[in-house]
Amino acid sequence: MTSSPQEERRARTLQRALEEIAGLDLAEQGRKGGFGYTELPDGKQEILIPSFGYTLKICLPEGDMEFPTSIDSFSLQVLALRYIKLSCDETVTGEWIAYRDLPGGRFYAATLVPTVEQPIAQAIGRKKDLLGRAAAEFGGVKSEYGDESYIFHPFPKTPLLLVLHRGDEEFEPDCRILFDRCCSHFLNTDDLKILATQLSAHLLKWAGAEVETENLLWMVE
């Protein structure tokens, strides 16, 4: 069966990401990035990365990936490989910043509102306890901001903070996604935006929201 141009582009993108981690000291990258690395008896290698409360499995040199169905996407596959490549000794700071405050983030910051934040606010904002149940499904840890907030870990050192203000008769619900200041050491700014779309898509899909989530899950090219 002939592959479509889109499928071919995705295959090339994935292959490039795999090639970029070839030759790295993956045990050292695992130490830096907080993920597991094992050399198997048959000479193969296994990487286990915590993600959204689940575990991603990557087998090398074949590049086979086993991702839980509830969080699997082409974007997350590529971003996981890029995270492996860029893992460094920077530590999580606990200092939360907006996307516009990431390196070069100001120009595209407005795009995060309609694609990520508004859909969550509209789908979940007025439904009490729905965000908490959705967060539990994806490893969210309760935080103290807004009316309700949770910290999610797409990867160990790229925490995202989702803050929800429920609104009232006068104001619509509002949602904000913030990034730990260390995130930009582990993924570039464009990839961090895509990482936020993964969180949004997973929450919306779990909540049964009538919005298109597939485009959010397949953004990396």
C-alpha atoms as a PDB file:
ATOM      1  CA  MET A   1       0.000   0.000   0.000  1.00  0.00           C
ATOM      2  CA  THR A   2       1.413   3.388  -1.018  1.00  0.00           C
ATOM      3  CA  SER A   3       2.137   5.831   1.794  1.00  0.00           C
ATOM      4  CA  SER A   4       0.640   9.312   1.651  1.00  0.00           C
ATOM      5  CA  PRO A   5       2.935  12.377   1.498  1.00  0.00           C
ATOM      6  CA  GLN A   6       1.954  13.170   5.088  1.00  0.00           C
ATOM      7  CA  GLU A   7       2.862   9.674   6.261  1.00  0.00           C
ATOM      8  CA  GLU A   8       6.188   9.919   4.459  1.00  0.00           C
ATOM      9  CA  ARG A   9       6.957  13.280   6.093  1.00  0.00           C
ATOM     10  CA  ARG A  10       6.139  11.873   9.500  1.00  0.00           C
ATOM     11  CA  ALA A  11       8.324   8.834   8.910  1.00  0.00           C
ATOM     12  CA  ARG A  12      11.233  11.115   7.965  1.00  0.00           C
ATOM     13  CA  THR A  13      10.675  13.317  11.024  1.00  0.00           C
ATOM     14  CA  LEU A  14      10.656  10.300  13.319  1.00  0.00           C
ATOM     15  CA  GLN A  15      13.732   8.833  11.664  1.00  0.00           C
ATOM     16  CA  ARG A  16      15.644  12.110  12.059  1.00  0.00           C
ATOM     17  CA  ALA A  17      14.725  12.250  15.740  1.00  0.00           C
ATOM     18  CA  LEU A  18      15.978   8.679  16.198  1.00  0.00           C
ATOM     19  CA  GLU A  19      19.211   9.463  14.376  1.00  0.00           C
ATOM     20  CA  GLU A  20      19.814  12.461  16.635  1.00  0.00           C
ATOM     21  CA  ILE A  21      19.996  10.264  19.755  1.00  0.00           C
ATOM     22  CA  ALA A  22      22.228   7.647  18.116  1.00  0.00           C
ATOM     23  CA  GLY A  23      25.687   7.720  19.651  1.00  0.00           C
ATOM     24  CA  LEU A  24      24.595   9.560  22.793  1.00  0.00           C
ATOM     25  CA  ASP A  25      25.462   8.211  26.224  1.00  0.00           C
ATOM     26  CA  LEU A  26      21.860   7.245  26.931  1.00  0.00           C
ATOM     27  CA  ALA A  27      22.554   6.167  30.497  1.00  0.00           C
ATOM     28  CA  GLU A  28      23.898   9.667  31.166  1.00  0.00           C
ATOM     29  CA  GLN A  29      20.962  11.265  29.353  1.00  0.00           C
ATOM     30  CA  GLY A  30      18.629   9.193  31.494  1.00  0.00           C
ATOM     31  CA  ARG A  31      20.316  10.412  34.654  1.00  0.00           C
ATOM     32  CA  LYS A  32      19.949  14.005  33.514  1.00  0.00           C
ATOM     33  CA  GLY A  33      16.408  13.667  32.208  1.00  0.00           C
ATOM     34  CA  GLY A  34      14.955  11.465  34.915  1.00  0.00           C
ATOM     35  CA  PHE A  35      14.135   8.474  32.726  1.00  0.00           C
ATOM     36  CA  GLY A  36      15.223   4.848  32.803  1.00  0.00           C
ATOM     37  CA  TYR A  37      17.784   3.242  30.538  1.00  0.00           C
ATOM     38  CA  THR A  38      18.728  -0.440  30.373  1.00  0.00           C
ATOM     39  CA  GLU A  39      21.167  -2.366  28.188  1.00  0.00           C
ATOM     40  CA  LEU A  40      19.549  -5.724  27.482  1.00  0.00           C
ATOM     41  CA  PRO A  41      21.442  -9.053  27.228  1.00  0.00           C
ATOM     42  CA  ASP A  42      20.871  -9.241  23.462  1.00  0.00           C
ATOM     43  CA  GLY A  43      22.689  -5.945  22.945  1.00  0.00           C
ATOM     44  CA  LYS A  44      19.501  -3.954  22.531  1.00  0.00           C
ATOM     45  CA  GLN A  45      18.589  -0.911  24.612  1.00  0.00           C
ATOM     46  CA  GLU A  46      15.408   0.011  26.414  1.00  0.00           C
ATOM     47  CA  ILE A  47      14.326   3.496  27.475  1.00  0.00           C
ATOM     48  CA  LEU A  48      11.416   4.050  29.873  1.00  0.00           C
ATOM     49  CA  ILE A  49      10.120   7.620  30.203  1.00  0.00           C
ATOM     50  CA  PRO A  50       7.416   8.653  32.691  1.00  0.00           C
ATOM     51  CA  SER A  51       4.732  10.654  30.870  1.00  0.00           C
ATOM     52  CA  PHE A  52       1.341  11.905  32.047  1.00  0.00           C
ATOM     53  CA  GLY A  53       1.229   9.265  34.771  1.00  0.00           C
ATOM     54  CA  TYR A  54       2.083   6.446  32.363  1.00  0.00           C
ATOM     55  CA  THR A  55       5.334   5.020  30.956  1.00  0.00           C
ATOM     56  CA  LEU A  56       6.656   5.347  27.421  1.00  0.00           C
ATOM     57  CA  LYS A  57       8.861   2.508  26.156  1.00  0.00           C
ATOM     58  CA  ILE A  58      11.406   2.971  23.373  1.00  0.00           C
ATOM     59  CA  CYS A  59      13.490   0.046  22.097  1.00  0.00           C
ATOM     60  CA  LEU A  60      16.744   0.651  20.248  1.00  0.00           C
ATOM     61  CA  PRO A  61      18.289   0.263  17.751  1.00  0.00           C
ATOM     62  CA  GLU A  62      15.007  -0.597  15.991  1.00  0.00           C
ATOM     63  CA  GLY A  63      13.257   2.506  17.273  1.00  0.00           C
ATOM     64  CA  ASP A  64      10.135   0.582  18.238  1.00  0.00           C
ATOM     65  CA  MET A  65       7.860   2.530  20.574  1.00  0.00           C
ATOM     66  CA  GLU A  66       5.200   1.300  22.977  1.00  0.00           C
ATOM     67  CA  PHE A  67       3.014   4.133  24.242  1.00  0.00           C
ATOM     68  CA  PRO A  68      -0.215   3.682  26.249  1.00  0.00           C
ATOM     69  CA  THR A  69      -3.202   4.135  23.960  1.00  0.00           C
ATOM     70  CA  SER A  70      -4.670   6.951  26.044  1.00  0.00           C
ATOM     71  CA  ILE A  71      -1.664   9.216  25.437  1.00  0.00           C
ATOM     72  CA  ASP A  72      -0.189   7.899  22.186  1.00  0.00           C
ATOM     73  CA  SER A  73       0.330  10.414  19.395  1.00  0.00           C
ATOM     74  CA  PHE A  74       2.851  11.112  16.678  1.00  0.00           C
ATOM     75  CA  SER A  75       3.764  14.400  18.373  1.00  0.00           C
ATOM     76  CA  LEU A  76       4.526  12.745  21.704  1.00  0.00           C
ATOM     77  CA  GLN A  77       6.676  10.111  19.968  1.00  0.00           C
ATOM     78  CA  VAL A  78       8.847  12.788  18.364  1.00  0.00           C
ATOM     79  CA  LEU A  79       8.942  15.007  21.448  1.00  0.00           C
ATOM     80  CA  ALA A  80      10.056  12.080  23.617  1.00  0.00           C
ATOM     81  CA  LEU A  81      13.065  11.549  21.356  1.00  0.00           C
ATOM     82  CA  ARG A  82      13.885  15.256  21.369  1.00  0.00           C
ATOM     83  CA  TYR A  83      13.621  15.272  25.166  1.00  0.00           C
ATOM     84  CA  ILE A  84      16.129  12.411  25.327  1.00  0.00           C
ATOM     85  CA  LYS A  85      18.519  14.367  23.108  1.00  0.00           C
ATOM     86  CA  LEU A  86      18.322  17.639  25.063  1.00  0.00           C
ATOM     87  CA  SER A  87      18.235  16.256  28.612  1.00  0.00           C
ATOM     88  CA  CYS A  88      20.697  18.161  30.774  1.00  0.00           C
ATOM     89  CA  ASP A  89      21.567  18.862  34.394  1.00  0.00           C
ATOM     90  CA  GLU A  90      19.124  21.749  34.786  1.00  0.00           C
ATOM     91  CA  THR A  91      16.691  21.204  37.643  1.00  0.00           C
ATOM     92  CA  VAL A  92      12.991  21.953  38.024  1.00  0.00           C
ATOM     93  CA  THR A  93      12.702  25.425  39.567  1.00  0.00           C
ATOM     94  CA  GLY A  94       9.086  25.625  40.724  1.00  0.00           C
ATOM     95  CA  GLU A  95       8.943  29.052  39.051  1.00  0.00           C
ATOM     96  CA  TRP A  96       5.987  29.216  36.672  1.00  0.00           C
ATOM     97  CA  ILE A  97       6.073  31.412  33.584  1.00  0.00           C
ATOM     98  CA  ALA A  98       3.716  32.079  30.700  1.00  0.00           C
ATOM     99  CA  TYR A  99       4.504  30.879  27.190  1.00  0.00           C
ATOM    100  CA  ARG A 100       5.292  34.449  26.131  1.00  0.00           C
ATOM    101  CA  ASP A 101       8.134  34.493  28.661  1.00  0.00           C
ATOM    102  CA  LEU A 102       9.868  31.465  27.134  1.00  0.00           C
ATOM    103  CA  PRO A 103      12.748  32.251  24.729  1.00  0.00           C
ATOM    104  CA  GLY A 104      11.113  33.624  21.579  1.00  0.00           C
ATOM    105  CA  GLY A 105       7.646  32.784  22.890  1.00  0.00           C
ATOM    106  CA  ARG A 106       6.077  36.240  22.701  1.00  0.00           C
ATOM    107  CA  PHE A 107       5.345  36.144  18.972  1.00  0.00           C
ATOM    108  CA  TYR A 108       3.220  32.961  19.104  1.00  0.00           C
ATOM    109  CA  ALA A 109       1.854  33.285  22.631  1.00  0.00           C
ATOM    110  CA  ALA A 110      -1.606  34.303  21.433  1.00  0.00           C
ATOM    111  CA  THR A 111      -2.039  31.026  19.553  1.00  0.00           C
ATOM    112  CA  LEU A 112      -2.058  29.100  22.829  1.00  0.00           C
ATOM    113  CA  VAL A 113      -5.342  30.694  23.911  1.00  0.00           C
ATOM    114  CA  PRO A 114      -7.719  29.435  21.182  1.00  0.00           C
ATOM    115  CA  THR A 115      -6.011  26.066  20.636  1.00  0.00           C
ATOM    116  CA  VAL A 116      -5.242  25.027  24.209  1.00  0.00           C
ATOM    117  CA  GLU A 117      -6.645  27.217  26.961  1.00  0.00           C
ATOM    118  CA  GLN A 118     -10.090  28.287  25.768  1.00  0.00           C
ATOM    119  CA  PRO A 119     -11.231  24.760  24.811  1.00  0.00           C
ATOM    120  CA  ILE A 120     -10.358  23.482  28.299  1.00  0.00           C
ATOM    121  CA  ALA A 121     -12.127  26.396  29.976  1.00  0.00           C
ATOM    122  CA  GLN A 122     -15.247  25.923  27.875  1.00  0.00           C
ATOM    123  CA  ALA A 123     -15.408  22.141  28.193  1.00  0.00           C
ATOM    124  CA  ILE A 124     -14.435  21.735  31.840  1.00  0.00           C
ATOM    125  CA  GLY A 125     -14.672  25.126  33.523  1.00  0.00           C
ATOM    126  CA  ARG A 126     -18.236  24.975  34.823  1.00  0.00           C
ATOM    127  CA  LYS A 127     -18.354  21.245  35.583  1.00  0.00           C
ATOM    128  CA  LYS A 128     -17.384  20.777  39.185  1.00  0.00           C
ATOM    129  CA  ASP A 129     -14.903  17.971  39.907  1.00  0.00           C
ATOM    130  CA  LEU A 130     -14.472  17.121  36.213  1.00  0.00           C
ATOM    131  CA  LEU A 131     -10.992  18.615  36.021  1.00  0.00           C
ATOM    132  CA  GLY A 132      -9.935  16.737  39.146  1.00  0.00           C
ATOM    133  CA  ARG A 133     -11.070  13.412  37.728  1.00  0.00           C
ATOM    134  CA  ALA A 134      -9.425  14.137  34.374  1.00  0.00           C
ATOM    135  CA  ALA A 135      -6.207  15.190  36.110  1.00  0.00           C
ATOM    136  CA  ALA A 136      -6.119  11.940  38.072  1.00  0.00           C
ATOM    137  CA  GLU A 137      -6.229  10.033  34.786  1.00  0.00           C
ATOM    138  CA  PHE A 138      -3.084  11.795  33.537  1.00  0.00           C
ATOM    139  CA  GLY A 139      -0.963  12.001  36.657  1.00  0.00           C
ATOM    140  CA  GLY A 140      -1.957  15.542  37.640  1.00  0.00           C
ATOM    141  CA  VAL A 141      -0.883  16.693  41.095  1.00  0.00           C
ATOM    142  CA  LYS A 142      -3.134  19.205  42.832  1.00  0.00           C
ATOM    143  CA  SER A 143      -1.694  22.697  43.267  1.00  0.00           C
ATOM    144  CA  GLU A 144      -2.846  25.862  45.026  1.00  0.00           C
ATOM    145  CA  TYR A 145      -3.489  28.367  42.235  1.00  0.00           C
ATOM    146  CA  GLY A 146      -6.786  29.760  40.949  1.00  0.00           C
ATOM    147  CA  ASP A 147     -10.051  28.001  41.729  1.00  0.00           C
ATOM    148  CA  GLU A 148      -8.447  24.700  40.800  1.00  0.00           C
ATOM    149  CA  SER A 149      -5.012  23.791  39.460  1.00  0.00           C
ATOM    150  CA  TYR A 150      -2.866  20.750  38.711  1.00  0.00           C
ATOM    151  CA  ILE A 151       0.736  20.085  37.767  1.00  0.00           C
ATOM    152  CA  PHE A 152       1.266  17.606  34.924  1.00  0.00           C
ATOM    153  CA  HIS A 153       4.503  15.941  33.817  1.00  0.00           C
ATOM    154  CA  PRO A 154       4.542  15.168  30.084  1.00  0.00           C
ATOM    155  CA  PHE A 155       8.199  14.333  30.750  1.00  0.00           C
ATOM    156  CA  PRO A 156       9.994  14.324  34.105  1.00  0.00           C
ATOM    157  CA  LYS A 157      11.601  17.777  33.754  1.00  0.00           C
ATOM    158  CA  THR A 158       8.983  19.601  31.696  1.00  0.00           C
ATOM    159  CA  PRO A 159       6.190  20.193  34.230  1.00  0.00           C
ATOM    160  CA  LEU A 160       3.122  22.142  33.114  1.00  0.00           C
ATOM    161  CA  LEU A 161       0.765  23.949  35.480  1.00  0.00           C
ATOM    162  CA  LEU A 162      -2.888  24.180  34.490  1.00  0.00           C
ATOM    163  CA  VAL A 163      -4.787  26.895  36.358  1.00  0.00           C
ATOM    164  CA  LEU A 164      -8.587  27.085  36.110  1.00  0.00           C
ATOM    165  CA  HIS A 165     -10.808  30.004  37.125  1.00  0.00           C
ATOM    166  CA  ARG A 166     -14.402  28.808  37.065  1.00  0.00           C
ATOM    167  CA  GLY A 167     -16.055  32.128  36.332  1.00  0.00           C
ATOM    168  CA  ASP A 168     -19.545  33.139  37.424  1.00  0.00           C
ATOM    169  CA  GLU A 169     -22.685  34.787  36.095  1.00  0.00           C
ATOM    170  CA  GLU A 170     -20.614  37.726  34.920  1.00  0.00           C
ATOM    171  CA  PHE A 171     -17.351  36.151  33.751  1.00  0.00           C
ATOM    172  CA  GLU A 172     -16.658  33.137  31.565  1.00  0.00           C
ATOM    173  CA  PRO A 173     -14.357  30.371  32.843  1.00  0.00           C
ATOM    174  CA  ASP A 174     -10.698  30.967  32.156  1.00  0.00           C
ATOM    175  CA  CYS A 175      -7.761  28.561  31.858  1.00  0.00           C
ATOM    176  CA  ARG A 176      -4.031  29.196  31.781  1.00  0.00           C
ATOM    177  CA  ILE A 177      -1.166  26.783  31.156  1.00  0.00           C
ATOM    178  CA  LEU A 178       2.191  27.789  32.617  1.00  0.00           C
ATOM    179  CA  PHE A 179       5.659  26.297  32.185  1.00  0.00           C
ATOM    180  CA  ASP A 180       8.392  25.692  34.722  1.00  0.00           C
ATOM    181  CA  ARG A 181      11.263  28.021  33.860  1.00  0.00           C
ATOM    182  CA  CYS A 182      13.546  25.008  33.331  1.00  0.00           C
ATOM    183  CA  CYS A 183      11.396  23.608  30.482  1.00  0.00           C
ATOM    184  CA  SER A 184      13.209  25.541  27.761  1.00  0.00           C
ATOM    185  CA  HIS A 185      16.413  23.621  28.517  1.00  0.00           C
ATOM    186  CA  PHE A 186      14.724  20.329  27.598  1.00  0.00           C
ATOM    187  CA  LEU A 187      12.630  21.272  24.548  1.00  0.00           C
ATOM    188  CA  ASN A 188      12.609  24.292  22.279  1.00  0.00           C
ATOM    189  CA  THR A 189       9.810  26.837  22.510  1.00  0.00           C
ATOM    190  CA  ASP A 190       7.855  25.516  19.515  1.00  0.00           C
ATOM    191  CA  ASP A 191       7.975  21.995  20.933  1.00  0.00           C
ATOM    192  CA  LEU A 192       6.805  23.233  24.327  1.00  0.00           C
ATOM    193  CA  LYS A 193       3.724  24.699  22.675  1.00  0.00           C
ATOM    194  CA  ILE A 194       3.049  21.330  21.088  1.00  0.00           C
ATOM    195  CA  LEU A 195       3.576  19.681  24.478  1.00  0.00           C
ATOM    196  CA  ALA A 196       0.833  21.916  25.898  1.00  0.00           C
ATOM    197  CA  THR A 197      -1.473  20.876  23.059  1.00  0.00           C
ATOM    198  CA  GLN A 198      -0.940  17.256  24.054  1.00  0.00           C
ATOM    199  CA  LEU A 199      -2.176  18.008  27.557  1.00  0.00           C
ATOM    200  CA  SER A 200      -5.185  19.880  26.224  1.00  0.00           C
ATOM    201  CA  ALA A 201      -6.105  17.152  23.753  1.00  0.00           C
ATOM    202  CA  HIS A 202      -5.848  14.368  26.325  1.00  0.00           C
ATOM    203  CA  LEU A 203      -8.014  16.225  28.844  1.00  0.00           C
ATOM    204  CA  LEU A 204     -10.618  17.177  26.243  1.00  0.00           C
ATOM    205  CA  LYS A 205     -10.754  13.681  24.793  1.00  0.00           C
ATOM    206  CA  TRP A 206     -11.151  12.143  28.248  1.00  0.00           C
ATOM    207  CA  ALA A 207     -13.913  14.608  29.112  1.00  0.00           C
ATOM    208  CA  GLY A 208     -15.799  13.755  25.915  1.00  0.00           C
ATOM    209  CA  ALA A 209     -15.700  17.345  24.716  1.00  0.00           C
ATOM    210  CA  GLU A 210     -17.164  17.915  21.280  1.00  0.00           C
ATOM    211  CA  VAL A 211     -14.043  19.556  19.878  1.00  0.00           C
ATOM    212  CA  GLU A 212     -11.536  18.375  17.304  1.00  0.00           C
ATOM    213  CA  THR A 213      -8.555  16.896  19.143  1.00  0.00           C
ATOM    214  CA  GLU A 214      -6.794  14.905  16.431  1.00  0.00           C
ATOM    215  CA  ASN A 215      -5.054  17.957  14.967  1.00  0.00           C
ATOM    216  CA  LEU A 216      -3.711  18.765  18.423  1.00  0.00           C
ATOM    217  CA  LEU A 217      -2.248  15.281  18.741  1.00  0.00           C
ATOM    218  CA  TRP A 218      -0.499  15.274  15.360  1.00  0.00           C
ATOM    219  CA  MET A 219       1.135  18.684  15.052  1.00  0.00           C
ATOM    220  CA  VAL A 220       4.840  17.888  14.743  1.00  0.00           C
ATOM    221  CA  GLU A 221       6.141  17.631  11.169  1.00  0.00           C
END
